[in-house]
Amino acid sequence: EKGIPVSVNGEKLDSVALVTKLNAIGAKHGIGIADIVENRLVG
């Protein structure tokens, strides 16, 4: 709703419950691993 996530599979959830649930689902399927050589601000 207006760019803010509000539900998972039709179930309305508050922010904490929503991210907690997505973490569990995503982790199960190996989602969200990023390996990066990044440029730190300090140079």
PDB file of all heavy atoms in Angstrom:
ATOM      1  N   GLU A   1       0.853  -1.181   0.000  1.00  0.00           N
ATOM      2  CA  GLU A   1       0.000   0.000   0.000  1.00  0.00           C
ATOM      3  C   GLU A   1       0.887   1.228   0.000  1.00  0.00           C
ATOM      4  O   GLU A   1       1.678   1.436   0.930  1.00  0.00           O
ATOM      5  CB  GLU A   1      -0.925   0.008   1.225  1.00  0.00           C
ATOM      6  CG  GLU A   1      -1.970  -1.101   1.205  1.00  0.00           C
ATOM      7  CD  GLU A   1      -2.863  -1.093   2.432  1.00  0.00           C
ATOM      8  OE1 GLU A   1      -2.696  -0.172   3.277  1.00  0.00           O
ATOM      9  OE2 GLU A   1      -3.706  -2.003   2.561  1.00  0.00           O
ATOM     10  N   LYS A   2       0.838   1.990  -1.064  1.00  0.00           N
ATOM     11  CA  LYS A   2       1.660   3.195  -1.236  1.00  0.00           C
ATOM     12  C   LYS A   2       3.145   2.899  -0.997  1.00  0.00           C
ATOM     13  O   LYS A   2       3.842   3.646  -0.326  1.00  0.00           O
ATOM     14  CB  LYS A   2       1.170   4.317  -0.320  1.00  0.00           C
ATOM     15  CG  LYS A   2      -0.229   4.811  -0.666  1.00  0.00           C
ATOM     16  CD  LYS A   2      -0.646   6.013   0.159  1.00  0.00           C
ATOM     17  CE  LYS A   2      -2.008   6.518  -0.292  1.00  0.00           C
ATOM     18  NZ  LYS A   2      -2.451   7.721   0.475  1.00  0.00           N
ATOM     19  N   GLY A   3       3.590   1.786  -1.559  1.00  0.00           N
ATOM     20  CA  GLY A   3       5.000   1.438  -1.507  1.00  0.00           C
ATOM     21  C   GLY A   3       5.440   0.699  -0.270  1.00  0.00           C
ATOM     22  O   GLY A   3       6.590   0.264  -0.186  1.00  0.00           O
ATOM     23  N   ILE A   4       4.553   0.537   0.703  1.00  0.00           N
ATOM     24  CA  ILE A   4       4.901  -0.118   1.966  1.00  0.00           C
ATOM     25  C   ILE A   4       4.329  -1.531   1.971  1.00  0.00           C
ATOM     26  O   ILE A   4       3.140  -1.718   1.692  1.00  0.00           O
ATOM     27  CB  ILE A   4       4.355   0.687   3.158  1.00  0.00           C
ATOM     28  CG1 ILE A   4       5.052   2.051   3.236  1.00  0.00           C
ATOM     29  CG2 ILE A   4       4.553  -0.079   4.474  1.00  0.00           C
ATOM     30  CD1 ILE A   4       4.476   2.976   4.281  1.00  0.00           C
ATOM     31  N   PRO A   5       5.133  -2.529   2.286  1.00  0.00           N
ATOM     32  CA  PRO A   5       4.625  -3.900   2.338  1.00  0.00           C
ATOM     33  C   PRO A   5       3.685  -4.093   3.520  1.00  0.00           C
ATOM     34  O   PRO A   5       3.982  -3.679   4.638  1.00  0.00           O
ATOM     35  CB  PRO A   5       5.896  -4.744   2.499  1.00  0.00           C
ATOM     36  CG  PRO A   5       6.895  -3.827   3.112  1.00  0.00           C
ATOM     37  CD  PRO A   5       6.579  -2.458   2.593  1.00  0.00           C
ATOM     38  N   VAL A   6       2.551  -4.744   3.265  1.00  0.00           N
ATOM     39  CA  VAL A   6       1.537  -4.877   4.320  1.00  0.00           C
ATOM     40  C   VAL A   6       1.029  -6.303   4.502  1.00  0.00           C
ATOM     41  O   VAL A   6       0.395  -6.613   5.509  1.00  0.00           O
ATOM     42  CB  VAL A   6       0.336  -3.943   4.059  1.00  0.00           C
ATOM     43  CG1 VAL A   6       0.750  -2.482   4.139  1.00  0.00           C
ATOM     44  CG2 VAL A   6      -0.308  -4.253   2.701  1.00  0.00           C
ATOM     45  N   SER A   7       1.280  -7.191   3.535  1.00  0.00           N
ATOM     46  CA  SER A   7       0.729  -8.536   3.667  1.00  0.00           C
ATOM     47  C   SER A   7       1.604  -9.575   2.980  1.00  0.00           C
ATOM     48  O   SER A   7       2.346  -9.266   2.037  1.00  0.00           O
ATOM     49  CB  SER A   7      -0.686  -8.604   3.077  1.00  0.00           C
ATOM     50  OG  SER A   7      -0.661  -8.415   1.676  1.00  0.00           O
ATOM     51  N   VAL A   8       1.516 -10.798   3.491  1.00  0.00           N
ATOM     52  CA  VAL A   8       2.200 -11.950   2.906  1.00  0.00           C
ATOM     53  C   VAL A   8       1.147 -13.028   2.665  1.00  0.00           C
ATOM     54  O   VAL A   8       0.449 -13.434   3.604  1.00  0.00           O
ATOM     55  CB  VAL A   8       3.308 -12.490   3.834  1.00  0.00           C
ATOM     56  CG1 VAL A   8       3.955 -13.736   3.222  1.00  0.00           C
ATOM     57  CG2 VAL A   8       4.355 -11.419   4.098  1.00  0.00           C
ATOM     58  N   ASN A   9       1.021 -13.447   1.416  1.00  0.00           N
ATOM     59  CA  ASN A   9       0.030 -14.466   1.036  1.00  0.00           C
ATOM     60  C   ASN A   9      -1.367 -14.119   1.544  1.00  0.00           C
ATOM     61  O   ASN A   9      -2.103 -14.969   2.051  1.00  0.00           O
ATOM     62  CB  ASN A   9       0.458 -15.841   1.553  1.00  0.00           C
ATOM     63  CG  ASN A   9       1.715 -16.336   0.871  1.00  0.00           C
ATOM     64  OD1 ASN A   9       1.974 -16.020  -0.295  1.00  0.00           O
ATOM     65  ND2 ASN A   9       2.532 -17.087   1.598  1.00  0.00           N
ATOM     66  N   GLY A  10      -1.706 -12.837   1.446  1.00  0.00           N
ATOM     67  CA  GLY A  10      -3.033 -12.376   1.822  1.00  0.00           C
ATOM     68  C   GLY A  10      -3.220 -12.080   3.287  1.00  0.00           C
ATOM     69  O   GLY A  10      -4.262 -11.549   3.684  1.00  0.00           O
ATOM     70  N   GLU A  11      -2.237 -12.384   4.119  1.00  0.00           N
ATOM     71  CA  GLU A  11      -2.336 -12.149   5.561  1.00  0.00           C
ATOM     72  C   GLU A  11      -1.719 -10.798   5.923  1.00  0.00           C
ATOM     73  O   GLU A  11      -0.542 -10.560   5.680  1.00  0.00           O
ATOM     74  CB  GLU A  11      -1.618 -13.256   6.326  1.00  0.00           C
ATOM     75  CG  GLU A  11      -1.685 -13.088   7.843  1.00  0.00           C
ATOM     76  CD  GLU A  11      -0.846 -14.109   8.600  1.00  0.00           C
ATOM     77  OE1 GLU A  11      -0.109 -14.894   7.948  1.00  0.00           O
ATOM     78  OE2 GLU A  11      -0.911 -14.114   9.849  1.00  0.00           O
ATOM     79  N   LYS A  12      -2.520  -9.915   6.501  1.00  0.00           N
ATOM     80  CA  LYS A  12      -2.025  -8.616   6.938  1.00  0.00           C
ATOM     81  C   LYS A  12      -1.091  -8.805   8.133  1.00  0.00           C
ATOM     82  O   LYS A  12      -1.438  -9.490   9.099  1.00  0.00           O
ATOM     83  CB  LYS A  12      -3.183  -7.704   7.345  1.00  0.00           C
ATOM     84  CG  LYS A  12      -4.059  -7.256   6.191  1.00  0.00           C
ATOM     85  CD  LYS A  12      -3.475  -6.051   5.483  1.00  0.00           C
ATOM     86  CE  LYS A  12      -4.440  -5.490   4.454  1.00  0.00           C
ATOM     87  NZ  LYS A  12      -3.910  -4.272   3.809  1.00  0.00           N
ATOM     88  N   LEU A  13       0.082  -8.183   8.070  1.00  0.00           N
ATOM     89  CA  LEU A  13       1.080  -8.322   9.129  1.00  0.00           C
ATOM     90  C   LEU A  13       1.694  -6.970   9.439  1.00  0.00           C
ATOM     91  O   LEU A  13       1.824  -6.112   8.559  1.00  0.00           O
ATOM     92  CB  LEU A  13       2.191  -9.293   8.691  1.00  0.00           C
ATOM     93  CG  LEU A  13       1.790 -10.746   8.429  1.00  0.00           C
ATOM     94  CD1 LEU A  13       2.936 -11.489   7.767  1.00  0.00           C
ATOM     95  CD2 LEU A  13       1.383 -11.434   9.730  1.00  0.00           C
ATOM     96  N   ASP A  14       2.086  -6.777  10.709  1.00  0.00           N
ATOM     97  CA  ASP A  14       2.836  -5.565  11.027  1.00  0.00           C
ATOM     98  C   ASP A  14       4.256  -5.709  10.500  1.00  0.00           C
ATOM     99  O   ASP A  14       4.673  -6.776  10.032  1.00  0.00           O
ATOM    100  CB  ASP A  14       2.804  -5.260  12.523  1.00  0.00           C
ATOM    101  CG  ASP A  14       3.550  -6.275  13.379  1.00  0.00           C
ATOM    102  OD1 ASP A  14       4.505  -6.900  12.891  1.00  0.00           O
ATOM    103  OD2 ASP A  14       3.177  -6.436  14.559  1.00  0.00           O
ATOM    104  N   SER A  15       5.032  -4.643  10.574  1.00  0.00           N
ATOM    105  CA  SER A  15       6.351  -4.621   9.938  1.00  0.00           C
ATOM    106  C   SER A  15       7.277  -5.712  10.459  1.00  0.00           C
ATOM    107  O   SER A  15       7.969  -6.390   9.683  1.00  0.00           O
ATOM    108  CB  SER A  15       6.999  -3.251  10.136  1.00  0.00           C
ATOM    109  OG  SER A  15       7.089  -2.929  11.530  1.00  0.00           O
ATOM    110  N   VAL A  16       7.306  -5.898  11.783  1.00  0.00           N
ATOM    111  CA  VAL A  16       8.217  -6.872  12.376  1.00  0.00           C
ATOM    112  C   VAL A  16       7.823  -8.293  11.987  1.00  0.00           C
ATOM    113  O   VAL A  16       8.668  -9.107  11.579  1.00  0.00           O
ATOM    114  CB  VAL A  16       8.266  -6.714  13.910  1.00  0.00           C
ATOM    115  CG1 VAL A  16       9.172  -7.777  14.534  1.00  0.00           C
ATOM    116  CG2 VAL A  16       8.750  -5.309  14.293  1.00  0.00           C
ATOM    117  N   ALA A  17       6.538  -8.606  12.107  1.00  0.00           N
ATOM    118  CA  ALA A  17       6.075  -9.948  11.751  1.00  0.00           C
ATOM    119  C   ALA A  17       6.274 -10.228  10.274  1.00  0.00           C
ATOM    120  O   ALA A  17       6.621 -11.352   9.873  1.00  0.00           O
ATOM    121  CB  ALA A  17       4.599 -10.101  12.124  1.00  0.00           C
ATOM    122  N   LEU A  18       6.084  -9.210   9.438  1.00  0.00           N
ATOM    123  CA  LEU A  18       6.215  -9.388   7.999  1.00  0.00           C
ATOM    124  C   LEU A  18       7.651  -9.720   7.604  1.00  0.00           C
ATOM    125  O   LEU A  18       7.913 -10.674   6.857  1.00  0.00           O
ATOM    126  CB  LEU A  18       5.729  -8.125   7.282  1.00  0.00           C
ATOM    127  CG  LEU A  18       5.673  -8.181   5.758  1.00  0.00           C
ATOM    128  CD1 LEU A  18       4.452  -7.431   5.235  1.00  0.00           C
ATOM    129  CD2 LEU A  18       6.945  -7.583   5.139  1.00  0.00           C
ATOM    130  N   VAL A  19       8.608  -8.937   8.120  1.00  0.00           N
ATOM    131  CA  VAL A  19      10.015  -9.186   7.776  1.00  0.00           C
ATOM    132  C   VAL A  19      10.484 -10.511   8.371  1.00  0.00           C
ATOM    133  O   VAL A  19      11.226 -11.271   7.729  1.00  0.00           O
ATOM    134  CB  VAL A  19      10.910  -8.017   8.246  1.00  0.00           C
ATOM    135  CG1 VAL A  19      12.395  -8.356   8.071  1.00  0.00           C
ATOM    136  CG2 VAL A  19      10.569  -6.753   7.466  1.00  0.00           C
ATOM    137  N   THR A  20      10.037 -10.810   9.580  1.00  0.00           N
ATOM    138  CA  THR A  20      10.407 -12.089  10.204  1.00  0.00           C
ATOM    139  C   THR A  20       9.923 -13.268   9.355  1.00  0.00           C
ATOM    140  O   THR A  20      10.663 -14.239   9.139  1.00  0.00           O
ATOM    141  CB  THR A  20       9.818 -12.178  11.622  1.00  0.00           C
ATOM    142  OG1 THR A  20      10.315 -11.092  12.414  1.00  0.00           O
ATOM    143  CG2 THR A  20      10.199 -13.495  12.283  1.00  0.00           C
ATOM    144  N   LYS A  21       8.703 -13.174   8.864  1.00  0.00           N
ATOM    145  CA  LYS A  21       8.152 -14.255   8.042  1.00  0.00           C
ATOM    146  C   LYS A  21       8.891 -14.370   6.717  1.00  0.00           C
ATOM    147  O   LYS A  21       9.227 -15.479   6.265  1.00  0.00           O
ATOM    148  CB  LYS A  21       6.661 -14.019   7.800  1.00  0.00           C
ATOM    149  CG  LYS A  21       5.978 -15.160   7.055  1.00  0.00           C
ATOM    150  CD  LYS A  21       4.464 -15.068   7.180  1.00  0.00           C
ATOM    151  CE  LYS A  21       3.804 -16.306   6.599  1.00  0.00           C
ATOM    152  NZ  LYS A  21       2.351 -16.343   6.885  1.00  0.00           N
ATOM    153  N   LEU A  22       9.168 -13.236   6.085  1.00  0.00           N
ATOM    154  CA  LEU A  22       9.876 -13.270   4.805  1.00  0.00           C
ATOM    155  C   LEU A  22      11.302 -13.773   4.974  1.00  0.00           C
ATOM    156  O   LEU A  22      11.837 -14.449   4.085  1.00  0.00           O
ATOM    157  CB  LEU A  22       9.875 -11.893   4.167  1.00  0.00           C
ATOM    158  CG  LEU A  22       8.537 -11.397   3.617  1.00  0.00           C
ATOM    159  CD1 LEU A  22       8.699 -10.013   3.008  1.00  0.00           C
ATOM    160  CD2 LEU A  22       7.975 -12.367   2.592  1.00  0.00           C
ATOM    161  N   ASN A  23      11.929 -13.437   6.094  1.00  0.00           N
ATOM    162  CA  ASN A  23      13.274 -13.956   6.356  1.00  0.00           C
ATOM    163  C   ASN A  23      13.268 -15.485   6.384  1.00  0.00           C
ATOM    164  O   ASN A  23      14.150 -16.136   5.812  1.00  0.00           O
ATOM    165  CB  ASN A  23      13.809 -13.422   7.679  1.00  0.00           C
ATOM    166  CG  ASN A  23      14.391 -12.023   7.565  1.00  0.00           C
ATOM    167  OD1 ASN A  23      14.752 -11.584   6.472  1.00  0.00           O
ATOM    168  ND2 ASN A  23      14.474 -11.319   8.679  1.00  0.00           N
ATOM    169  N   ALA A  24      12.285 -16.043   7.062  1.00  0.00           N
ATOM    170  CA  ALA A  24      12.204 -17.502   7.171  1.00  0.00           C
ATOM    171  C   ALA A  24      11.963 -18.149   5.810  1.00  0.00           C
ATOM    172  O   ALA A  24      12.612 -19.140   5.452  1.00  0.00           O
ATOM    173  CB  ALA A  24      11.103 -17.890   8.152  1.00  0.00           C
ATOM    174  N   ILE A  25      11.040 -17.573   5.034  1.00  0.00           N
ATOM    175  CA  ILE A  25      10.730 -18.139   3.722  1.00  0.00           C
ATOM    176  C   ILE A  25      11.921 -17.986   2.776  1.00  0.00           C
ATOM    177  O   ILE A  25      12.320 -18.933   2.084  1.00  0.00           O
ATOM    178  CB  ILE A  25       9.479 -17.465   3.130  1.00  0.00           C
ATOM    179  CG1 ILE A  25       8.249 -17.756   3.988  1.00  0.00           C
ATOM    180  CG2 ILE A  25       9.239 -17.936   1.689  1.00  0.00           C
ATOM    181  CD1 ILE A  25       7.010 -16.959   3.590  1.00  0.00           C
ATOM    182  N   GLY A  26      12.497 -16.790   2.743  1.00  0.00           N
ATOM    183  CA  GLY A  26      13.629 -16.547   1.853  1.00  0.00           C
ATOM    184  C   GLY A  26      14.849 -17.371   2.218  1.00  0.00           C
ATOM    185  O   GLY A  26      15.535 -17.914   1.339  1.00  0.00           O
ATOM    186  N   ALA A  27      15.124 -17.483   3.521  1.00  0.00           N
ATOM    187  CA  ALA A  27      16.279 -18.258   3.973  1.00  0.00           C
ATOM    188  C   ALA A  27      16.164 -19.719   3.559  1.00  0.00           C
ATOM    189  O   ALA A  27      17.142 -20.361   3.155  1.00  0.00           O
ATOM    190  CB  ALA A  27      16.420 -18.143   5.481  1.00  0.00           C
ATOM    191  N   LYS A  28      14.964 -20.239   3.646  1.00  0.00           N
ATOM    192  CA  LYS A  28      14.714 -21.637   3.260  1.00  0.00           C
ATOM    193  C   LYS A  28      15.138 -21.894   1.813  1.00  0.00           C
ATOM    194  O   LYS A  28      15.706 -22.951   1.497  1.00  0.00           O
ATOM    195  CB  LYS A  28      13.218 -21.933   3.435  1.00  0.00           C
ATOM    196  CG  LYS A  28      12.767 -23.290   2.933  1.00  0.00           C
ATOM    197  CD  LYS A  28      11.247 -23.410   3.089  1.00  0.00           C
ATOM    198  CE  LYS A  28      10.708 -24.678   2.444  1.00  0.00           C
ATOM    199  NZ  LYS A  28       9.223 -24.742   2.517  1.00  0.00           N
ATOM    200  N   HIS A  29      14.926 -20.918   0.941  1.00  0.00           N
ATOM    201  CA  HIS A  29      15.192 -21.101  -0.489  1.00  0.00           C
ATOM    202  C   HIS A  29      16.512 -20.466  -0.948  1.00  0.00           C
ATOM    203  O   HIS A  29      16.739 -20.323  -2.155  1.00  0.00           O
ATOM    204  CB  HIS A  29      14.026 -20.544  -1.304  1.00  0.00           C
ATOM    205  CG  HIS A  29      12.761 -21.323  -1.127  1.00  0.00           C
ATOM    206  ND1 HIS A  29      12.518 -22.518  -1.760  1.00  0.00           N
ATOM    207  CD2 HIS A  29      11.674 -21.095  -0.331  1.00  0.00           C
ATOM    208  CE1 HIS A  29      11.336 -22.985  -1.399  1.00  0.00           C
ATOM    209  NE2 HIS A  29      10.799 -22.139  -0.535  1.00  0.00           N
ATOM    210  N   GLY A  30      17.362 -20.090   0.002  1.00  0.00           N
ATOM    211  CA  GLY A  30      18.675 -19.564  -0.373  1.00  0.00           C
ATOM    212  C   GLY A  30      18.639 -18.201  -1.025  1.00  0.00           C
ATOM    213  O   GLY A  30      19.514 -17.847  -1.831  1.00  0.00           O
ATOM    214  N   ILE A  31      17.637 -17.386  -0.662  1.00  0.00           N
ATOM    215  CA  ILE A  31      17.461 -16.059  -1.253  1.00  0.00           C
ATOM    216  C   ILE A  31      18.285 -15.020  -0.492  1.00  0.00           C
ATOM    217  O   ILE A  31      18.413 -15.081   0.732  1.00  0.00           O
ATOM    218  CB  ILE A  31      15.977 -15.647  -1.222  1.00  0.00           C
ATOM    219  CG1 ILE A  31      15.094 -16.693  -1.910  1.00  0.00           C
ATOM    220  CG2 ILE A  31      15.774 -14.260  -1.836  1.00  0.00           C
ATOM    221  CD1 ILE A  31      15.382 -16.885  -3.364  1.00  0.00           C
ATOM    222  N   GLY A  32      18.820 -14.048  -1.214  1.00  0.00           N
ATOM    223  CA  GLY A  32      19.370 -12.859  -0.573  1.00  0.00           C
ATOM    224  C   GLY A  32      20.831 -12.896  -0.208  1.00  0.00           C
ATOM    225  O   GLY A  32      21.275 -12.113   0.644  1.00  0.00           O
ATOM    226  N   ILE A  33      21.633 -13.745  -0.819  1.00  0.00           N
ATOM    227  CA  ILE A  33      23.080 -13.749  -0.571  1.00  0.00           C
ATOM    228  C   ILE A  33      23.740 -12.792  -1.562  1.00  0.00           C
ATOM    229  O   ILE A  33      23.549 -12.888  -2.766  1.00  0.00           O
ATOM    230  CB  ILE A  33      23.668 -15.165  -0.731  1.00  0.00           C
ATOM    231  CG1 ILE A  33      23.110 -16.100   0.344  1.00  0.00           C
ATOM    232  CG2 ILE A  33      25.192 -15.117  -0.659  1.00  0.00           C
ATOM    233  CD1 ILE A  33      23.505 -17.552   0.166  1.00  0.00           C
ATOM    234  N   ALA A  34      24.526 -11.852  -1.039  1.00  0.00           N
ATOM    235  CA  ALA A  34      25.245 -10.896  -1.884  1.00  0.00           C
ATOM    236  C   ALA A  34      26.709 -10.877  -1.470  1.00  0.00           C
ATOM    237  O   ALA A  34      27.031 -10.690  -0.296  1.00  0.00           O
ATOM    238  CB  ALA A  34      24.644  -9.501  -1.760  1.00  0.00           C
ATOM    239  N   ASP A  35      27.582 -11.071  -2.423  1.00  0.00           N
ATOM    240  CA  ASP A  35      29.026 -11.053  -2.210  1.00  0.00           C
ATOM    241  C   ASP A  35      29.564  -9.882  -3.008  1.00  0.00           C
ATOM    242  O   ASP A  35      29.496  -9.871  -4.234  1.00  0.00           O
ATOM    243  CB  ASP A  35      29.624 -12.383  -2.687  1.00  0.00           C
ATOM    244  CG  ASP A  35      31.129 -12.497  -2.447  1.00  0.00           C
ATOM    245  OD1 ASP A  35      31.764 -11.478  -2.111  1.00  0.00           O
ATOM    246  OD2 ASP A  35      31.665 -13.609  -2.599  1.00  0.00           O
ATOM    247  N   ILE A  36      30.085  -8.855  -2.327  1.00  0.00           N
ATOM    248  CA  ILE A  36      30.470  -7.625  -3.022  1.00  0.00           C
ATOM    249  C   ILE A  36      31.801  -7.090  -2.511  1.00  0.00           C
ATOM    250  O   ILE A  36      32.062  -7.081  -1.302  1.00  0.00           O
ATOM    251  CB  ILE A  36      29.366  -6.545  -2.875  1.00  0.00           C
ATOM    252  CG1 ILE A  36      29.811  -5.214  -3.512  1.00  0.00           C
ATOM    253  CG2 ILE A  36      28.983  -6.338  -1.433  1.00  0.00           C
ATOM    254  CD1 ILE A  36      28.738  -4.130  -3.526  1.00  0.00           C
ATOM    255  N   VAL A  37      32.648  -6.655  -3.431  1.00  0.00           N
ATOM    256  CA  VAL A  37      33.826  -5.849  -3.097  1.00  0.00           C
ATOM    257  C   VAL A  37      33.382  -4.400  -3.263  1.00  0.00           C
ATOM    258  O   VAL A  37      33.247  -3.904  -4.373  1.00  0.00           O
ATOM    259  CB  VAL A  37      35.022  -6.178  -4.006  1.00  0.00           C
ATOM    260  CG1 VAL A  37      36.208  -5.275  -3.661  1.00  0.00           C
ATOM    261  CG2 VAL A  37      35.431  -7.652  -3.857  1.00  0.00           C
ATOM    262  N   GLU A  38      33.115  -3.758  -2.144  1.00  0.00           N
ATOM    263  CA  GLU A  38      32.498  -2.425  -2.171  1.00  0.00           C
ATOM    264  C   GLU A  38      33.511  -1.332  -1.876  1.00  0.00           C
ATOM    265  O   GLU A  38      34.575  -1.573  -1.301  1.00  0.00           O
ATOM    266  CB  GLU A  38      31.356  -2.355  -1.158  1.00  0.00           C
ATOM    267  CG  GLU A  38      31.813  -2.400   0.277  1.00  0.00           C
ATOM    268  CD  GLU A  38      30.708  -2.734   1.259  1.00  0.00           C
ATOM    269  OE1 GLU A  38      30.059  -3.790   1.112  1.00  0.00           O
ATOM    270  OE2 GLU A  38      30.509  -1.941   2.198  1.00  0.00           O
ATOM    271  N   ASN A  39      33.154  -0.127  -2.279  1.00  0.00           N
ATOM    272  CA  ASN A  39      33.985   1.046  -2.013  1.00  0.00           C
ATOM    273  C   ASN A  39      33.542   1.696  -0.713  1.00  0.00           C
ATOM    274  O   ASN A  39      32.468   2.297  -0.645  1.00  0.00           O
ATOM    275  CB  ASN A  39      33.858   2.050  -3.159  1.00  0.00           C
ATOM    276  CG  ASN A  39      34.537   1.566  -4.425  1.00  0.00           C
ATOM    277  OD1 ASN A  39      35.756   1.482  -4.469  1.00  0.00           O
ATOM    278  ND2 ASN A  39      33.750   1.225  -5.431  1.00  0.00           N
ATOM    279  N   ARG A  40      34.359   1.549   0.321  1.00  0.00           N
ATOM    280  CA  ARG A  40      34.051   2.222   1.581  1.00  0.00           C
ATOM    281  C   ARG A  40      34.162   3.729   1.419  1.00  0.00           C
ATOM    282  O   ARG A  40      34.940   4.234   0.606  1.00  0.00           O
ATOM    283  CB  ARG A  40      35.015   1.774   2.682  1.00  0.00           C
ATOM    284  CG  ARG A  40      34.750   0.402   3.246  1.00  0.00           C
ATOM    285  CD  ARG A  40      35.699   0.101   4.389  1.00  0.00           C
ATOM    286  NE  ARG A  40      35.488  -1.243   4.931  1.00  0.00           N
ATOM    287  CZ  ARG A  40      36.258  -1.803   5.851  1.00  0.00           C
ATOM    288  NH1 ARG A  40      37.296  -1.141   6.345  1.00  0.00           N
ATOM    289  NH2 ARG A  40      35.997  -3.021   6.283  1.00  0.00           N
ATOM    290  N   LEU A  41      33.417   4.441   2.232  1.00  0.00           N
ATOM    291  CA  LEU A  41      33.467   5.898   2.217  1.00  0.00           C
ATOM    292  C   LEU A  41      34.865   6.405   2.542  1.00  0.00           C
ATOM    293  O   LEU A  41      35.310   7.413   1.994  1.00  0.00           O
ATOM    294  CB  LEU A  41      32.451   6.452   3.230  1.00  0.00           C
ATOM    295  CG  LEU A  41      32.462   7.960   3.467  1.00  0.00           C
ATOM    296  CD1 LEU A  41      32.131   8.707   2.181  1.00  0.00           C
ATOM    297  CD2 LEU A  41      31.475   8.334   4.560  1.00  0.00           C
ATOM    298  N   VAL A  42      35.593   5.700   3.419  1.00  0.00           N
ATOM    299  CA  VAL A  42      36.900   6.172   3.875  1.00  0.00           C
ATOM    300  C   VAL A  42      38.004   5.907   2.859  1.00  0.00           C
ATOM    301  O   VAL A  42      39.173   6.186   3.137  1.00  0.00           O
ATOM    302  CB  VAL A  42      37.276   5.552   5.237  1.00  0.00           C
ATOM    303  CG1 VAL A  42      36.354   6.063   6.328  1.00  0.00           C
ATOM    304  CG2 VAL A  42      37.234   4.023   5.171  1.00  0.00           C
ATOM    305  N   GLY A  43      37.672   5.376   1.681  1.00  0.00           N
ATOM    306  CA  GLY A  43      38.644   5.355   0.607  1.00  0.00           C
ATOM    307  C   GLY A  43      39.167   4.009   0.164  1.00  0.00           C
ATOM    308  O   GLY A  43      39.817   3.916  -0.876  1.00  0.00           O
TER     309      GLY A  43
END
